[in-house]
Amino acid sequence: MSDQQFILAPPTVKVDFQLLPVDGVSNSLMIMRQAHELSGLGDWVVQTWDALSDDRRRKHLMVFDVLYAGVEYEYNPPDYPSYLAFIKEQDPDVTLKRILDRLQGKCEYYDIQITKDELLSSEDRFVELIQQSIGKHYQQKGLELYDQPYRDAFPLLRDPQAAHNAIVEHLEYMWDTHMRDEWNRNLPMLEECIAAFKQQDYSGMTALEAVRSVTGRDLSVHFPALSNAEKLVFVPSAHIGPYNSYYTAADKVYVFFGARMPEGLRSTSPALGRSELLVHINALADDTRLKILKLLTHNEELCAQDIINLLDLSQSSASRHLRQLTATGYLVERRRDVAKCYSLNMKRIDDTAAALKTFIRG
């Protein structure tokens, strides 16, 4: 008995569900930049992105890829217009300092020690440093960092008032022109979702157990920081589809998930039930994704490269389809060394069929 070992039980987590209009609106606007990279996002995201002019899309990328760090505050007013009024009053010099601090911090994270003057010494040098820092982060996620938003932002990084004005103008335009009516339309659905999840018991759960219970997914591979969270705040979204995202602030981790009802509960809102059902049906409404599911009915597990070879897919196409099927729960993903491998989750297919029958008869 003298050599016995003890394993500490994983710590439990505090769980809450909140509407958070600023975070909700910001998340919907941010994912818009991936409208054609992530299949399965809400129709409004794709349609709104396609409706923007080329100049407005370019400004959107500049604001959310580069400048938005200047107005990211831990401030959660009751509505988005209050937030717009708040950031308009901020000192442009402070806004620009926050942006440059973030960019400099990204460089330092990747062991690039550089002053702000050196960072802004020339446009080409600025973009080179961004590719060496933020670009590496994108590569690790299998994504490509585009130079243009940083080139567009570069002149503004020398002009505090111009940078501040660009952020405020774009956020006001997107809210007034595209987001206000959409937010108000979805508000009852989001509030019902929060009320339903708040009735569930998450006491005694670890962070990963709570995330799995709410999202239906094991996100430990994608978001390692979740495993150490002490407080989780779940924020429902009408636009994120089957995907999840998160950010940390102080001692909390905020997790965005597609608005739906907890498993086993029926919604009184046709919009909420239809929203969840459409997310799952959308994942099946593609010939390539159906072929992937068919392959996995005859193979217990296939790695991504196997699927690419068998279906003659490009790397980017396969990644997009596999990401959506995994996010909607039709596939279970695991790591085998450096490879991502997939198996079929037949229960999700059965659940989707049952949900469709219930919706039609309901």
Protein backbone atom coordinates (compact mmCIF):
# COMPACT_ATOMS: atom_id res chain seq x y z
CA MET A 1 0.00 0.00 0.00
CA SER A 2 2.97 2.34 0.48
CA ASP A 3 3.35 2.94 -3.27
CA GLN A 4 -0.31 3.66 -3.96
CA GLN A 5 -1.06 6.65 -6.20
CA PHE A 6 -3.93 9.08 -6.05
CA ILE A 7 -5.69 10.73 -8.97
CA LEU A 8 -7.47 14.00 -8.31
CA ALA A 9 -11.05 14.16 -9.51
CA PRO A 10 -11.59 16.79 -12.23
CA PRO A 11 -12.93 20.03 -10.77
CA THR A 12 -16.56 20.89 -11.30
CA VAL A 13 -17.64 24.03 -13.11
CA LYS A 14 -20.18 26.79 -12.60
CA VAL A 15 -22.59 27.08 -15.53
CA ASP A 16 -24.78 29.96 -16.69
CA PHE A 17 -26.75 30.87 -19.82
CA GLN A 18 -27.00 34.50 -20.93
CA LEU A 19 -28.32 36.46 -23.89
CA LEU A 20 -25.48 39.06 -24.00
CA PRO A 21 -26.66 41.20 -26.95
CA VAL A 22 -23.22 42.71 -27.61
CA ASP A 23 -21.49 39.34 -27.73
CA GLY A 24 -24.33 37.78 -29.70
CA VAL A 25 -24.38 40.51 -32.35
CA SER A 26 -20.59 40.63 -32.55
CA ASN A 27 -20.36 36.87 -32.99
CA SER A 28 -22.89 36.93 -35.83
CA LEU A 29 -20.97 39.71 -37.56
CA MET A 30 -17.62 38.01 -37.08
CA ILE A 31 -18.66 34.65 -38.53
CA MET A 32 -19.96 36.47 -41.59
CA ARG A 33 -16.38 36.60 -42.88
CA GLN A 34 -16.52 32.79 -43.13
CA ALA A 35 -19.84 32.68 -44.95
CA HIS A 36 -18.39 30.62 -47.80
CA GLU A 37 -15.72 28.77 -45.81
CA LEU A 38 -17.99 27.12 -43.23
CA SER A 39 -20.91 25.36 -44.88
CA GLY A 40 -23.94 25.13 -42.63
CA LEU A 41 -23.95 28.64 -41.17
CA GLY A 42 -27.36 30.30 -40.96
CA ASP A 43 -28.87 31.43 -44.27
CA TRP A 44 -28.96 35.02 -43.05
CA VAL A 45 -25.16 35.01 -42.69
CA VAL A 46 -24.56 33.91 -46.28
CA GLN A 47 -27.29 36.08 -47.77
CA THR A 48 -26.15 39.19 -45.90
CA TRP A 49 -22.52 38.68 -46.85
CA ASP A 50 -23.46 38.24 -50.50
CA ALA A 51 -25.61 41.41 -50.36
CA LEU A 52 -22.70 43.58 -49.21
CA SER A 53 -20.84 45.64 -51.79
CA ASP A 54 -17.22 44.74 -52.52
CA ASP A 55 -16.09 47.86 -50.64
CA ARG A 56 -18.24 47.01 -47.62
CA ARG A 57 -16.97 43.42 -47.51
CA ARG A 58 -13.42 44.71 -47.62
CA LYS A 59 -14.14 47.11 -44.77
CA HIS A 60 -15.83 44.34 -42.80
CA LEU A 61 -12.70 42.19 -43.01
CA MET A 62 -10.48 45.12 -42.07
CA VAL A 63 -12.59 45.96 -39.02
CA PHE A 64 -13.08 42.43 -37.68
CA ASP A 65 -9.68 40.99 -38.61
CA VAL A 66 -7.58 43.94 -37.44
CA LEU A 67 -9.30 46.89 -35.78
CA TYR A 68 -11.98 45.31 -33.58
CA ALA A 69 -9.51 44.70 -30.74
CA GLY A 70 -9.73 48.44 -30.11
CA VAL A 71 -13.34 48.24 -28.96
CA GLU A 72 -13.51 44.83 -27.27
CA TYR A 73 -14.51 45.76 -23.73
CA GLU A 74 -15.89 43.66 -20.90
CA TYR A 75 -19.05 45.71 -21.03
CA ASN A 76 -22.46 44.09 -21.47
CA PRO A 77 -25.23 46.69 -21.72
CA PRO A 78 -28.84 45.57 -22.22
CA ASP A 79 -28.80 46.27 -25.96
CA TYR A 80 -26.42 46.82 -28.86
CA PRO A 81 -27.22 50.52 -29.47
CA SER A 82 -26.01 51.25 -25.92
CA TYR A 83 -22.74 49.56 -26.79
CA LEU A 84 -22.40 51.64 -29.98
CA ALA A 85 -22.96 54.80 -27.95
CA PHE A 86 -20.34 53.65 -25.45
CA ILE A 87 -17.57 52.99 -27.99
CA LYS A 88 -18.28 56.29 -29.79
CA GLU A 89 -17.32 58.07 -26.56
CA GLN A 90 -13.99 56.29 -26.18
CA ASP A 91 -10.73 58.15 -26.71
CA PRO A 92 -9.36 57.39 -30.23
CA ASP A 93 -5.83 57.29 -28.82
CA VAL A 94 -6.91 54.56 -26.39
CA THR A 95 -8.66 52.68 -29.21
CA LEU A 96 -5.51 52.69 -31.33
CA LYS A 97 -3.31 51.71 -28.39
CA ARG A 98 -5.52 48.67 -27.72
CA ILE A 99 -5.21 47.59 -31.36
CA LEU A 100 -1.43 47.96 -31.40
CA ASP A 101 -1.07 46.24 -28.02
CA ARG A 102 -2.98 43.25 -29.39
CA LEU A 103 -0.86 43.05 -32.55
CA GLN A 104 2.37 43.45 -30.61
CA GLY A 105 1.21 40.78 -28.15
CA LYS A 106 0.58 38.35 -31.01
CA CYS A 107 4.13 38.91 -32.25
CA GLU A 108 5.59 38.38 -28.77
CA TYR A 109 3.59 35.15 -28.36
CA TYR A 110 5.53 33.78 -31.32
CA ASP A 111 8.85 35.06 -29.94
CA ILE A 112 9.01 38.12 -32.16
CA GLN A 113 10.24 40.93 -29.95
CA ILE A 114 9.43 44.20 -31.68
CA THR A 115 8.50 47.77 -30.77
CA LYS A 116 5.37 49.45 -32.09
CA ASP A 117 7.53 51.79 -34.18
CA GLU A 118 9.21 48.80 -35.81
CA LEU A 119 5.84 47.13 -36.33
CA LEU A 120 4.69 50.18 -38.30
CA SER A 121 7.98 50.88 -40.08
CA SER A 122 6.50 49.93 -43.48
CA GLU A 123 3.41 48.22 -44.87
CA ASP A 124 5.38 45.24 -46.24
CA ARG A 125 7.25 44.75 -42.96
CA PHE A 126 3.98 44.98 -41.03
CA VAL A 127 2.35 42.29 -43.18
CA GLU A 128 5.47 40.12 -42.93
CA LEU A 129 5.32 40.24 -39.13
CA ILE A 130 1.60 39.46 -39.12
CA GLN A 131 2.21 36.41 -41.30
CA GLN A 132 4.96 35.26 -38.93
CA SER A 133 2.67 35.56 -35.91
CA ILE A 134 -1.07 35.50 -36.56
CA GLY A 135 -0.41 33.65 -39.81
CA LYS A 136 1.09 30.74 -37.86
CA HIS A 137 -2.04 30.56 -35.71
CA TYR A 138 -4.14 30.32 -38.87
CA GLN A 139 -1.88 27.59 -40.29
CA GLN A 140 -2.30 25.53 -37.13
CA LYS A 141 -6.07 25.65 -37.74
CA GLY A 142 -5.67 24.70 -41.40
CA LEU A 143 -6.63 28.20 -42.57
CA GLU A 144 -4.96 30.88 -44.66
CA LEU A 145 -4.38 34.43 -43.47
CA TYR A 146 -5.18 37.04 -46.09
CA ASP A 147 -2.93 40.08 -46.33
CA GLN A 148 -5.46 42.56 -47.69
CA PRO A 149 -7.29 43.46 -44.43
CA TYR A 150 -3.92 44.26 -42.82
CA ARG A 151 -2.79 46.32 -45.80
CA ASP A 152 -6.09 48.23 -45.71
CA ALA A 153 -5.72 48.83 -41.98
CA PHE A 154 -2.07 49.89 -42.07
CA PRO A 155 -2.62 53.62 -42.84
CA LEU A 156 -5.22 53.82 -40.05
CA LEU A 157 -2.74 52.45 -37.51
CA ARG A 158 -0.94 55.80 -37.74
CA ASP A 159 -4.12 57.85 -37.35
CA PRO A 160 -6.12 57.25 -34.12
CA GLN A 161 -9.16 59.28 -35.18
CA ALA A 162 -9.38 57.61 -38.58
CA ALA A 163 -9.10 54.12 -37.04
CA HIS A 164 -11.75 54.93 -34.44
CA ASN A 165 -14.10 56.44 -37.03
CA ALA A 166 -13.74 53.42 -39.34
CA ILE A 167 -14.77 51.02 -36.57
CA VAL A 168 -17.76 53.09 -35.43
CA GLU A 169 -19.02 53.79 -38.96
CA HIS A 170 -18.93 50.13 -39.97
CA LEU A 171 -20.55 48.78 -36.80
CA GLU A 172 -23.31 51.38 -36.99
CA TYR A 173 -23.89 50.59 -40.67
CA MET A 174 -24.10 46.83 -40.10
CA TRP A 175 -26.46 47.27 -37.14
CA ASP A 176 -28.77 49.78 -38.80
CA THR A 177 -28.83 48.18 -42.24
CA HIS A 178 -28.65 44.45 -41.57
CA MET A 179 -28.56 43.38 -37.94
CA ARG A 180 -31.27 45.24 -36.02
CA ASP A 181 -34.32 43.59 -37.60
CA GLU A 182 -32.65 40.17 -37.61
CA TRP A 183 -31.75 40.45 -33.92
CA ASN A 184 -35.27 41.48 -32.93
CA ARG A 185 -36.78 38.70 -35.04
CA ASN A 186 -34.72 36.04 -33.30
CA LEU A 187 -34.92 37.49 -29.79
CA PRO A 188 -37.94 35.41 -28.60
CA MET A 189 -36.29 32.21 -29.84
CA LEU A 190 -33.03 33.00 -28.06
CA GLU A 191 -34.83 33.86 -24.82
CA GLU A 192 -36.80 30.59 -24.90
CA CYS A 193 -33.57 28.66 -25.48
CA ILE A 194 -31.91 30.28 -22.46
CA ALA A 195 -34.94 29.71 -20.22
CA ALA A 196 -35.06 26.02 -21.17
CA PHE A 197 -31.37 25.38 -20.55
CA LYS A 198 -31.47 27.22 -17.23
CA GLN A 199 -33.97 24.62 -15.99
CA GLN A 200 -31.41 21.83 -16.47
CA ASP A 201 -29.10 20.66 -13.67
CA TYR A 202 -25.37 21.00 -14.36
CA SER A 203 -24.22 20.68 -10.76
CA GLY A 204 -21.35 18.26 -10.24
CA MET A 205 -20.27 18.39 -13.89
CA THR A 206 -16.77 19.13 -15.10
CA ALA A 207 -16.33 21.80 -17.75
CA LEU A 208 -16.03 19.26 -20.57
CA GLU A 209 -19.10 17.37 -19.33
CA ALA A 210 -21.13 20.58 -19.27
CA VAL A 211 -19.95 21.54 -22.77
CA ARG A 212 -20.82 18.08 -24.07
CA SER A 213 -24.24 18.24 -22.44
CA VAL A 214 -25.09 21.63 -23.96
CA THR A 215 -23.47 21.33 -27.39
CA GLY A 216 -23.69 17.58 -27.90
CA ARG A 217 -19.99 17.53 -28.82
CA ASP A 218 -16.65 16.70 -27.23
CA LEU A 219 -14.74 19.93 -27.90
CA SER A 220 -11.61 19.08 -25.90
CA VAL A 221 -9.57 18.60 -29.09
CA HIS A 222 -10.69 21.89 -30.64
CA PHE A 223 -10.79 24.09 -27.53
CA PRO A 224 -8.26 22.75 -24.97
CA ALA A 225 -8.80 25.77 -22.69
CA LEU A 226 -12.31 24.53 -21.89
CA SER A 227 -10.99 21.66 -19.79
CA ASN A 228 -9.58 24.08 -17.19
CA ALA A 229 -12.53 26.49 -17.07
CA GLU A 230 -14.01 27.26 -13.66
CA LYS A 231 -17.02 29.21 -14.98
CA LEU A 232 -18.82 28.65 -18.28
CA VAL A 233 -21.27 31.11 -19.79
CA PHE A 234 -23.22 29.67 -22.73
CA VAL A 235 -24.53 32.15 -25.30
CA PRO A 236 -27.06 30.90 -27.89
CA SER A 237 -26.77 32.05 -31.50
CA ALA A 238 -29.32 32.02 -34.31
CA HIS A 239 -26.57 32.04 -36.94
CA ILE A 240 -23.66 29.84 -35.92
CA GLY A 241 -25.37 26.67 -37.17
CA PRO A 242 -23.71 23.45 -35.97
CA TYR A 243 -20.47 25.16 -34.96
CA ASN A 244 -19.16 26.40 -31.63
CA SER A 245 -16.76 29.17 -30.69
CA TYR A 246 -15.46 30.54 -27.42
CA TYR A 247 -13.44 33.29 -25.81
CA THR A 248 -12.06 33.82 -22.32
CA ALA A 249 -12.46 36.90 -20.15
CA ALA A 250 -11.28 37.19 -16.56
CA ASP A 251 -12.22 33.90 -14.87
CA LYS A 252 -14.95 32.92 -17.35
CA VAL A 253 -15.13 31.10 -20.66
CA TYR A 254 -17.94 32.17 -22.98
CA VAL A 255 -19.17 29.45 -25.36
CA PHE A 256 -21.41 30.17 -28.36
CA PHE A 257 -23.72 27.41 -29.53
CA GLY A 258 -26.55 27.07 -32.01
CA ALA A 259 -29.89 27.93 -30.39
CA ARG A 260 -31.89 24.78 -29.71
CA MET A 261 -33.78 23.00 -26.95
CA PRO A 262 -32.09 20.71 -24.42
CA GLU A 263 -32.26 17.08 -25.47
CA GLY A 264 -35.59 15.52 -24.58
CA LEU A 265 -37.54 18.78 -24.39
CA ARG A 266 -39.99 20.07 -27.01
CA SER A 267 -40.07 23.72 -27.93
CA THR A 268 -43.20 25.85 -27.82
CA SER A 269 -41.58 28.02 -30.50
CA PRO A 270 -41.88 26.65 -34.06
CA ALA A 271 -38.89 28.81 -34.99
CA LEU A 272 -36.62 27.18 -32.40
CA GLY A 273 -37.58 23.63 -33.37
CA ARG A 274 -37.27 24.42 -37.07
CA SER A 275 -33.91 26.14 -36.58
CA GLU A 276 -32.32 23.08 -34.99
CA LEU A 277 -33.87 20.70 -37.54
CA LEU A 278 -32.62 22.79 -40.47
CA VAL A 279 -29.06 22.68 -39.13
CA HIS A 280 -29.09 18.88 -39.23
CA ILE A 281 -30.95 18.51 -42.53
CA ASN A 282 -28.66 21.04 -44.19
CA ALA A 283 -25.69 18.80 -43.44
CA LEU A 284 -27.37 15.98 -45.39
CA ALA A 285 -28.38 18.12 -48.36
CA ASP A 286 -25.18 17.61 -50.31
CA ASP A 287 -24.08 14.74 -52.55
CA THR A 288 -20.49 14.67 -51.30
CA ARG A 289 -21.50 14.61 -47.64
CA LEU A 290 -23.94 11.77 -48.34
CA LYS A 291 -21.14 9.84 -50.07
CA ILE A 292 -18.94 10.32 -47.00
CA LEU A 293 -21.68 8.93 -44.75
CA LYS A 294 -22.17 6.02 -47.16
CA LEU A 295 -18.45 5.23 -47.08
CA LEU A 296 -18.50 5.09 -43.31
CA THR A 297 -21.40 2.64 -43.22
CA HIS A 298 -18.99 0.15 -44.85
CA ASN A 299 -15.88 1.15 -42.87
CA GLU A 300 -15.66 1.33 -39.11
CA GLU A 301 -13.25 4.27 -39.36
CA LEU A 302 -11.55 6.25 -42.11
CA CYS A 303 -8.96 8.98 -41.86
CA ALA A 304 -9.31 12.22 -43.78
CA GLN A 305 -6.74 11.23 -46.40
CA ASP A 306 -8.59 7.94 -47.01
CA ILE A 307 -11.79 9.86 -47.71
CA ILE A 308 -9.94 12.32 -49.97
CA ASN A 309 -8.50 9.44 -52.02
CA LEU A 310 -11.68 7.37 -52.22
CA LEU A 311 -13.88 10.29 -53.31
CA ASP A 312 -11.21 12.19 -55.26
CA LEU A 313 -11.68 15.38 -53.22
CA SER A 314 -9.40 18.36 -52.73
CA GLN A 315 -8.01 18.94 -49.25
CA SER A 316 -10.07 22.12 -48.77
CA SER A 317 -13.31 20.52 -49.99
CA ALA A 318 -12.87 17.46 -47.77
CA SER A 319 -12.08 19.64 -44.74
CA ARG A 320 -15.19 21.76 -45.28
CA HIS A 321 -17.51 18.74 -45.59
CA LEU A 322 -15.94 16.80 -42.71
CA ARG A 323 -16.06 19.88 -40.49
CA GLN A 324 -19.80 20.27 -41.04
CA LEU A 325 -20.60 16.56 -40.57
CA THR A 326 -18.57 16.50 -37.36
CA ALA A 327 -20.12 19.71 -36.05
CA THR A 328 -23.64 18.36 -36.61
CA GLY A 329 -22.75 15.10 -34.87
CA TYR A 330 -23.06 12.72 -37.82
CA LEU A 331 -19.37 11.89 -37.55
CA VAL A 332 -17.18 11.28 -34.52
CA GLU A 333 -13.67 12.68 -34.94
CA ARG A 334 -10.55 11.41 -33.21
CA ARG A 335 -6.83 11.91 -33.60
CA ARG A 336 -4.61 9.05 -34.71
CA ASP A 337 -1.11 10.47 -34.34
CA VAL A 338 -1.34 13.60 -36.53
CA ALA A 339 -4.22 12.34 -38.69
CA LYS A 340 -7.89 13.12 -38.14
CA CYS A 341 -10.03 9.99 -38.40
CA TYR A 342 -13.80 9.62 -38.53
CA SER A 343 -16.50 7.11 -37.68
CA LEU A 344 -20.25 7.21 -38.24
CA ASN A 345 -22.63 8.25 -35.45
CA MET A 346 -25.75 6.32 -36.43
CA LYS A 347 -27.66 7.64 -33.43
CA ARG A 348 -27.53 11.19 -34.85
CA ILE A 349 -29.06 9.96 -38.12
CA ASP A 350 -31.83 8.17 -36.23
CA ASP A 351 -32.43 11.26 -34.06
CA THR A 352 -32.70 13.50 -37.15
CA ALA A 353 -35.21 11.18 -38.77
CA ALA A 354 -37.27 11.09 -35.56
CA ALA A 355 -37.11 14.89 -35.17
CA LEU A 356 -38.33 15.37 -38.75
CA LYS A 357 -41.30 13.08 -38.14
CA THR A 358 -42.14 14.90 -34.92
CA PHE A 359 -41.92 18.30 -36.60
CA ILE A 360 -44.12 17.32 -39.52
CA ARG A 361 -46.76 15.76 -37.28
CA GLY A 362 -46.59 18.50 -34.67
